Amino acid sequence: MEPQTQRTSIDVIASVLEPLIPDLGRLSSPDGAVTLMLSDIADAGIAAERLGPERWEQLLGEHGALVEQVVSGHDGELIRSERDGFLASFNSAHGGLHAALELQQRAYTVSAGSDTLADAEDHTIAVRIGLHSGFVIANPDQLLGRNVVLASRIAAQAKGGEILVSSTLKQYTEKDPSFVFEPHGEYHFKGVLGEHVLYRASGR
């Protein structure tokens, strides 16, 4: 897949958080597992140009409120936001994936059905989401930092309307009949050792 050349909100969030990783240790569950969800609006620059400054700012406000509502509704915590990008943490992999599915569903409804955007039917806003579950063991700061980087790399591979997850998150949630997983490919990510198998997640 072609490397991304534009700096997205996901890239900004990851770069800002890496030096702040020690502050995130409190977000892991007692057994050390943490699920991270990163999202942003696909092709945000193009969407902003087409919608115009006023309409785009209004959409960002609506979308931000939606993300906060969905995350808290699934017992998650919003860690950081950067314009159209968001990083959230969940103690439950199931909670994180359910939140991602709800966010995708409701984000499309907001973009297509909002009164203020009713005349922007040709400019549908698509959200892309990446999730990863990992453990904080031995060196919590280092490993949680790796999880943030890996989650951001996964999210960066997603296209608008897609939810991509790591093989670890799939293992935690694949027995839940409400989830469907489709192989997406094997990747080598900058800054993260090893080969990583990703899956496209959807709901039944």
Protein backbone atom coordinates (compact mmCIF):
# COMPACT_ATOMS: atom_id res chain seq x y z
CA MET A 1 0.00 0.00 0.00
CA GLU A 2 1.24 3.47 -0.84
CA PRO A 3 2.70 5.38 2.15
CA GLN A 4 0.74 8.43 3.22
CA THR A 5 2.35 11.73 2.32
CA GLN A 6 0.06 14.12 4.19
CA ARG A 7 0.20 14.56 7.93
CA THR A 8 -3.21 13.57 9.32
CA SER A 9 -4.81 14.15 12.69
CA ILE A 10 -3.87 10.58 13.66
CA ASP A 11 -0.20 11.36 12.95
CA VAL A 12 -0.38 14.50 15.09
CA ILE A 13 -2.00 12.66 18.02
CA ALA A 14 0.61 9.90 17.94
CA SER A 15 3.53 12.34 17.82
CA VAL A 16 2.14 14.41 20.69
CA LEU A 17 1.42 11.42 22.90
CA GLU A 18 4.70 9.53 22.58
CA PRO A 19 6.59 11.80 25.02
CA LEU A 20 3.59 11.77 27.39
CA ILE A 21 3.26 7.98 27.65
CA PRO A 22 3.99 7.76 31.43
CA ASP A 23 0.76 9.69 32.11
CA LEU A 24 -1.26 6.96 30.37
CA GLY A 25 -0.28 4.07 32.63
CA ARG A 26 -3.34 4.57 34.82
CA LEU A 27 -5.58 3.67 31.88
CA SER A 28 -4.69 -0.03 31.77
CA SER A 29 -6.90 -2.61 33.44
CA PRO A 30 -5.65 -4.51 36.53
CA ASP A 31 -4.31 -7.39 34.39
CA GLY A 32 -2.41 -4.93 32.20
CA ALA A 33 -4.63 -4.99 29.10
CA VAL A 34 -5.54 -1.77 27.36
CA THR A 35 -7.49 -1.20 24.14
CA LEU A 36 -6.77 1.93 22.15
CA MET A 37 -9.00 3.37 19.46
CA LEU A 38 -7.83 6.06 17.06
CA SER A 39 -10.12 7.72 14.55
CA ASP A 40 -10.20 10.63 12.17
CA ILE A 41 -12.15 11.83 9.16
CA ALA A 42 -10.82 10.41 5.91
CA ASP A 43 -9.52 13.03 3.46
CA ALA A 44 -10.31 15.75 5.97
CA GLY A 45 -8.52 18.45 3.99
CA ILE A 46 -10.60 17.77 0.88
CA ALA A 47 -13.81 17.64 2.91
CA ALA A 48 -12.99 20.93 4.64
CA GLU A 49 -12.32 22.65 1.32
CA ARG A 50 -15.55 21.40 -0.23
CA LEU A 51 -17.74 22.25 2.76
CA GLY A 52 -16.22 25.65 3.46
CA PRO A 53 -14.77 26.98 6.75
CA GLU A 54 -18.04 27.69 8.57
CA ARG A 55 -19.73 24.41 7.70
CA TRP A 56 -16.55 22.43 8.40
CA GLU A 57 -16.13 23.99 11.85
CA GLN A 58 -19.73 23.18 12.66
CA LEU A 59 -19.25 19.58 11.54
CA LEU A 60 -16.11 19.27 13.69
CA GLY A 61 -18.06 20.40 16.74
CA GLU A 62 -20.88 17.94 16.06
CA HIS A 63 -18.46 15.11 15.38
CA GLY A 64 -16.43 15.81 18.52
CA ALA A 65 -19.56 15.73 20.67
CA LEU A 66 -20.58 12.46 19.03
CA VAL A 67 -17.21 10.80 19.66
CA GLU A 68 -17.23 11.86 23.31
CA GLN A 69 -20.76 10.52 23.77
CA VAL A 70 -20.03 7.17 22.10
CA VAL A 71 -16.75 6.61 23.97
CA SER A 72 -18.24 7.35 27.38
CA GLY A 73 -21.27 5.21 26.52
CA HIS A 74 -18.98 2.19 26.24
CA ASP A 75 -17.02 2.90 29.43
CA GLY A 76 -14.11 4.40 27.55
CA GLU A 77 -12.03 7.49 28.19
CA LEU A 78 -11.17 10.14 25.63
CA ILE A 79 -7.45 10.77 25.98
CA ARG A 80 -6.70 13.27 23.27
CA SER A 81 -8.34 15.09 20.38
CA GLU A 82 -6.75 16.96 17.51
CA ARG A 83 -9.22 18.64 15.17
CA ASP A 84 -10.97 15.66 13.54
CA GLY A 85 -8.76 13.02 15.23
CA PHE A 86 -9.42 11.24 18.52
CA LEU A 87 -7.62 8.75 20.77
CA ALA A 88 -9.67 6.80 23.31
CA SER A 89 -8.84 4.04 25.79
CA PHE A 90 -11.00 1.13 26.93
CA ASN A 91 -10.43 -1.53 29.58
CA SER A 92 -12.53 -3.89 27.45
CA ALA A 93 -11.68 -4.88 23.89
CA HIS A 94 -15.36 -5.61 23.34
CA GLY A 95 -16.27 -2.14 24.56
CA GLY A 96 -13.75 -0.55 22.22
CA LEU A 97 -14.99 -2.43 19.17
CA HIS A 98 -18.65 -1.81 19.98
CA ALA A 99 -17.81 1.90 20.30
CA ALA A 100 -16.07 1.86 16.91
CA LEU A 101 -19.07 0.21 15.24
CA GLU A 102 -21.48 2.69 16.79
CA LEU A 103 -19.28 5.63 15.85
CA GLN A 104 -19.16 4.50 12.21
CA GLN A 105 -22.90 4.04 12.07
CA ARG A 106 -23.79 7.31 13.76
CA ALA A 107 -21.09 9.35 12.00
CA TYR A 108 -22.66 8.57 8.64
CA THR A 109 -26.07 9.55 10.02
CA VAL A 110 -24.72 12.86 11.31
CA SER A 111 -22.97 13.75 8.06
CA ALA A 112 -25.89 12.84 5.81
CA GLY A 113 -28.83 13.72 8.02
CA SER A 114 -27.85 16.89 9.86
CA ASP A 115 -30.10 19.81 8.92
CA THR A 116 -27.11 22.05 8.38
CA LEU A 117 -25.52 19.54 6.02
CA ALA A 118 -28.64 18.43 4.19
CA ASP A 119 -27.51 20.17 1.02
CA ALA A 120 -24.05 18.54 1.18
CA GLU A 121 -25.17 15.11 0.04
CA ASP A 122 -22.30 14.84 -2.42
CA HIS A 123 -19.76 15.43 0.36
CA THR A 124 -20.39 12.48 2.65
CA ILE A 125 -18.03 12.45 5.61
CA ALA A 126 -16.36 9.07 6.20
CA VAL A 127 -14.62 8.12 9.44
CA ARG A 128 -11.71 5.70 9.58
CA ILE A 129 -10.85 3.83 12.77
CA GLY A 130 -8.04 1.63 14.06
CA LEU A 131 -8.02 -0.45 17.26
CA HIS A 132 -5.37 -2.44 19.08
CA SER A 133 -5.30 -4.28 22.40
CA GLY A 134 -2.04 -4.79 24.24
CA PHE A 135 -0.56 -5.60 27.62
CA VAL A 136 1.47 -3.38 29.90
CA ILE A 137 4.08 -5.74 31.35
CA ALA A 138 7.58 -5.27 32.79
CA ASN A 139 8.11 -1.74 31.47
CA PRO A 140 4.65 -0.14 31.36
CA ASP A 141 5.79 3.14 29.80
CA GLN A 142 7.65 1.51 26.94
CA LEU A 143 5.00 -1.06 26.09
CA LEU A 144 2.11 1.37 26.28
CA GLY A 145 4.09 3.67 24.02
CA ARG A 146 4.43 0.84 21.51
CA ASN A 147 0.69 0.23 21.68
CA VAL A 148 -0.05 3.88 20.88
CA VAL A 149 2.28 3.75 17.88
CA LEU A 150 0.83 0.45 16.65
CA ALA A 151 -2.76 1.68 17.03
CA SER A 152 -1.92 4.82 15.05
CA ARG A 153 -0.26 2.77 12.28
CA ILE A 154 -3.34 0.55 12.06
CA ALA A 155 -5.70 3.52 11.88
CA ALA A 156 -3.57 5.10 9.15
CA GLN A 157 -4.14 2.04 6.94
CA ALA A 158 -7.93 2.34 7.14
CA LYS A 159 -9.95 3.95 4.41
CA GLY A 160 -13.04 6.03 5.00
CA GLY A 161 -15.79 3.87 6.45
CA GLU A 162 -13.38 1.14 7.56
CA ILE A 163 -12.57 -0.24 11.00
CA LEU A 164 -9.23 -2.05 11.11
CA VAL A 165 -8.10 -4.05 14.14
CA SER A 166 -5.00 -5.92 15.22
CA SER A 167 -4.85 -9.70 15.47
CA THR A 168 -4.67 -9.32 19.26
CA LEU A 169 -7.95 -7.44 19.43
CA LYS A 170 -9.53 -9.99 17.10
CA GLN A 171 -8.46 -12.80 19.45
CA TYR A 172 -10.14 -11.06 22.38
CA THR A 173 -13.42 -10.48 20.57
CA GLU A 174 -13.81 -13.07 17.80
CA LYS A 175 -16.10 -15.35 19.86
CA ASP A 176 -18.67 -12.57 20.07
CA PRO A 177 -21.26 -13.40 17.36
CA SER A 178 -22.04 -9.71 16.85
CA PHE A 179 -18.63 -9.12 15.21
CA VAL A 180 -17.41 -10.12 11.75
CA PHE A 181 -13.71 -10.10 10.81
CA GLU A 182 -12.25 -10.13 7.31
CA PRO A 183 -8.49 -10.47 6.65
CA HIS A 184 -7.01 -7.19 5.46
CA GLY A 185 -3.32 -8.03 5.00
CA GLU A 186 0.09 -8.31 6.64
CA TYR A 187 2.07 -5.17 7.37
CA HIS A 188 5.46 -4.01 8.58
CA PHE A 189 5.14 -0.69 10.37
CA LYS A 190 7.80 1.94 10.92
CA GLY A 191 8.81 2.07 14.57
CA VAL A 192 7.19 -1.27 15.44
CA LEU A 193 9.07 -4.55 15.09
CA GLY A 194 7.58 -7.63 13.49
CA GLU A 195 4.84 -8.46 11.03
CA HIS A 196 1.30 -7.42 11.89
CA VAL A 197 -1.86 -9.03 10.53
CA LEU A 198 -4.82 -6.68 10.32
CA TYR A 199 -8.54 -7.42 10.01
CA ARG A 200 -11.47 -5.38 8.78
CA ALA A 201 -14.18 -5.45 11.46
CA SER A 202 -17.90 -5.01 11.00
CA GLY A 203 -21.12 -5.87 12.83
CA ARG A 204 -23.74 -8.43 11.94
